[in-house]
Protein backbone atom coordinates (compact mmCIF):
# COMPACT_ATOMS: atom_id res chain seq x y z
CA UNK A 1 31.05 -9.43 8.02
CA UNK A 2 27.30 -9.52 8.76
CA UNK A 3 27.94 -8.68 12.41
CA UNK A 4 29.98 -5.64 11.53
CA UNK A 5 27.03 -4.33 9.29
CA UNK A 6 24.70 -4.71 12.20
CA UNK A 7 27.05 -2.68 14.35
CA UNK A 8 27.07 0.08 11.81
CA UNK A 9 23.28 0.47 12.16
CA UNK A 10 23.07 -0.30 15.92
CA UNK A 11 25.07 0.96 18.79
CA UNK A 12 24.28 0.01 22.35
CA UNK A 13 20.88 -1.25 21.29
CA UNK A 14 20.00 2.19 19.43
CA UNK A 15 19.96 3.23 15.88
CA UNK A 16 23.05 5.19 15.03
CA UNK A 17 22.93 8.73 13.51
CA UNK A 18 24.26 7.23 10.26
CA UNK A 19 21.46 4.65 10.01
CA UNK A 20 18.77 7.34 10.70
CA UNK A 21 20.38 9.50 7.96
CA UNK A 22 20.31 6.58 5.56
CA UNK A 23 16.69 5.80 6.18
CA UNK A 24 15.82 9.57 5.93
CA UNK A 25 17.57 9.81 2.52
CA UNK A 26 15.75 6.65 1.21
CA UNK A 27 12.30 8.01 2.35
CA UNK A 28 12.95 11.40 0.80
CA UNK A 29 14.00 9.83 -2.43
CA UNK A 30 10.69 8.19 -2.64
CA UNK A 31 8.58 11.15 -1.47
CA UNK A 32 8.77 13.23 -4.70
CA UNK A 33 7.71 10.33 -6.83
CA UNK A 34 4.51 9.74 -4.71
CA UNK A 35 3.68 13.39 -4.61
CA UNK A 36 4.21 13.84 -8.39
CA UNK A 37 1.81 10.99 -9.13
CA UNK A 38 -0.80 12.60 -6.91
CA UNK A 39 -0.08 15.97 -8.48
CA UNK A 40 -1.05 14.71 -11.96
CA UNK A 41 -4.69 14.90 -11.05
CA UNK A 42 -6.25 18.21 -12.00
CA UNK A 43 -9.89 17.16 -11.24
CA UNK A 44 -10.66 17.36 -15.03
CA UNK A 45 -14.27 16.22 -15.61
CA UNK A 46 -14.35 12.71 -16.96
CA UNK A 47 -10.68 11.87 -16.48
CA UNK A 48 -10.12 8.89 -14.09
CA UNK A 49 -13.83 8.30 -13.36
CA UNK A 50 -13.95 4.89 -15.07
CA UNK A 51 -11.20 3.42 -12.80
CA UNK A 52 -13.28 3.90 -9.59
CA UNK A 53 -16.85 4.15 -10.92
CA UNK A 54 -18.04 1.17 -8.88
CA UNK A 55 -16.77 2.99 -5.70
CA UNK A 56 -18.04 6.41 -6.64
CA UNK A 57 -21.62 4.99 -6.94
CA UNK A 58 -21.46 4.19 -3.18
CA UNK A 59 -20.74 7.77 -2.10
CA UNK A 60 -23.50 9.89 -0.61
CA UNK A 61 -23.65 13.55 0.12
CA UNK A 62 -23.34 14.24 3.89
CA UNK A 63 -26.53 15.52 5.40
CA UNK A 64 -28.82 14.76 2.42
CA UNK A 65 -28.01 11.21 1.47
CA UNK A 66 -28.28 12.13 -2.23
CA UNK A 67 -25.80 10.27 -4.55
CA UNK A 68 -22.51 12.20 -5.07
CA UNK A 69 -22.05 10.72 -8.49
CA UNK A 70 -24.35 11.01 -11.60
CA UNK A 71 -22.31 8.47 -13.58
CA UNK A 72 -19.69 10.91 -14.58
CA UNK A 73 -19.22 13.69 -11.96
CA UNK A 74 -16.55 12.10 -9.69
CA UNK A 75 -12.85 11.91 -10.46
CA UNK A 76 -9.35 11.98 -8.83
CA UNK A 77 -8.05 15.38 -7.88
CA UNK A 78 -5.37 17.20 -5.84
CA UNK A 79 -5.96 18.86 -2.47
CA UNK A 80 -4.14 21.56 -0.54
CA UNK A 81 -4.70 23.57 2.54
CA UNK A 82 -4.55 27.36 2.10
CA UNK A 83 -5.27 29.99 4.66
CA UNK A 84 -6.83 27.26 6.90
CA UNK A 85 -9.27 26.23 4.11
CA UNK A 86 -9.15 23.07 2.07
CA UNK A 87 -9.17 23.49 -1.64
CA UNK A 88 -9.27 20.96 -4.47
CA UNK A 89 -8.68 21.26 -8.19
CA UNK A 90 -11.88 21.18 -10.14
CA UNK A 91 -11.36 21.22 -13.91
CA UNK A 92 -7.95 22.82 -13.27
CA UNK A 93 -9.28 25.60 -10.97
CA UNK A 94 -8.50 25.65 -7.21
CA UNK A 95 -11.91 25.54 -5.55
CA UNK A 96 -12.56 25.95 -1.76
CA UNK A 97 -14.27 22.92 -0.22
CA UNK A 98 -17.44 23.55 1.75
CA UNK A 99 -16.99 21.47 4.95
CA UNK A 100 -20.51 19.98 4.50
CA UNK A 101 -19.30 18.21 1.35
CA UNK A 102 -16.53 16.24 2.88
CA UNK A 103 -17.16 12.49 2.99
CA UNK A 104 -15.54 10.95 5.87
CA UNK A 105 -14.24 7.82 4.11
CA UNK A 106 -11.02 6.70 2.69
CA UNK A 107 -10.82 6.18 -1.05
CA UNK A 108 -9.51 2.79 -2.32
CA UNK A 109 -6.37 4.51 -3.62
CA UNK A 110 -6.03 6.77 -0.59
CA UNK A 111 -5.98 9.85 -2.94
CA UNK A 112 -8.37 12.74 -3.00
CA UNK A 113 -11.47 12.66 -5.16
CA UNK A 114 -14.07 15.34 -6.04
CA UNK A 115 -17.56 14.99 -7.38
CA UNK A 116 -18.62 18.19 -9.24
CA UNK A 117 -20.72 18.83 -12.32
CA UNK A 118 -19.18 20.15 -15.51
CA UNK A 119 -20.06 23.71 -16.28
CA UNK A 120 -18.88 27.35 -16.64
CA UNK A 121 -19.34 28.25 -13.06
CA UNK A 122 -16.83 29.96 -10.88
CA UNK A 123 -16.34 28.95 -8.18
CA UNK A 124 -17.09 25.42 -9.23
CA UNK A 125 -19.96 23.77 -7.28
CA UNK A 126 -18.96 20.66 -5.35
CA UNK A 127 -21.21 17.73 -4.48
CA UNK A 128 -18.62 15.57 -2.45
CA UNK A 129 -15.06 15.43 -1.62
CA UNK A 130 -13.11 12.40 -0.29
CA UNK A 131 -9.80 13.67 1.14
CA UNK A 132 -6.71 11.65 0.51
CA UNK A 133 -4.10 10.55 2.92
CA UNK A 134 -2.26 13.34 4.50
CA UNK A 135 -4.69 16.07 3.76
């Protein structure tokens, strides 16, 4: 029985079309869940900061070396690419990311994070952005 299962996935030393289709379906079934979890972050000031505060304190603004975080400014967010520019949600508003604010590091959770002050400005000022996996 075990040998016949192996033949269903392998033919002449290669994966069969059926096995590739099964793997694709399994991957696609998991993809929306991962994207939905990342999509829950709207970059709202104060939400999610405490989980990675210890890491946010290590971030420095590219070019100046100033701290990105003032003990409350950094939080998880969501990123997208639109018309060739990277945008992140800052307090629920899509905001263009200046290239000189991108910190070239991975976050501990591999998600996108933004450091930006709370305020009525539009567009929102950004101190630092760490881009998540796949952005």
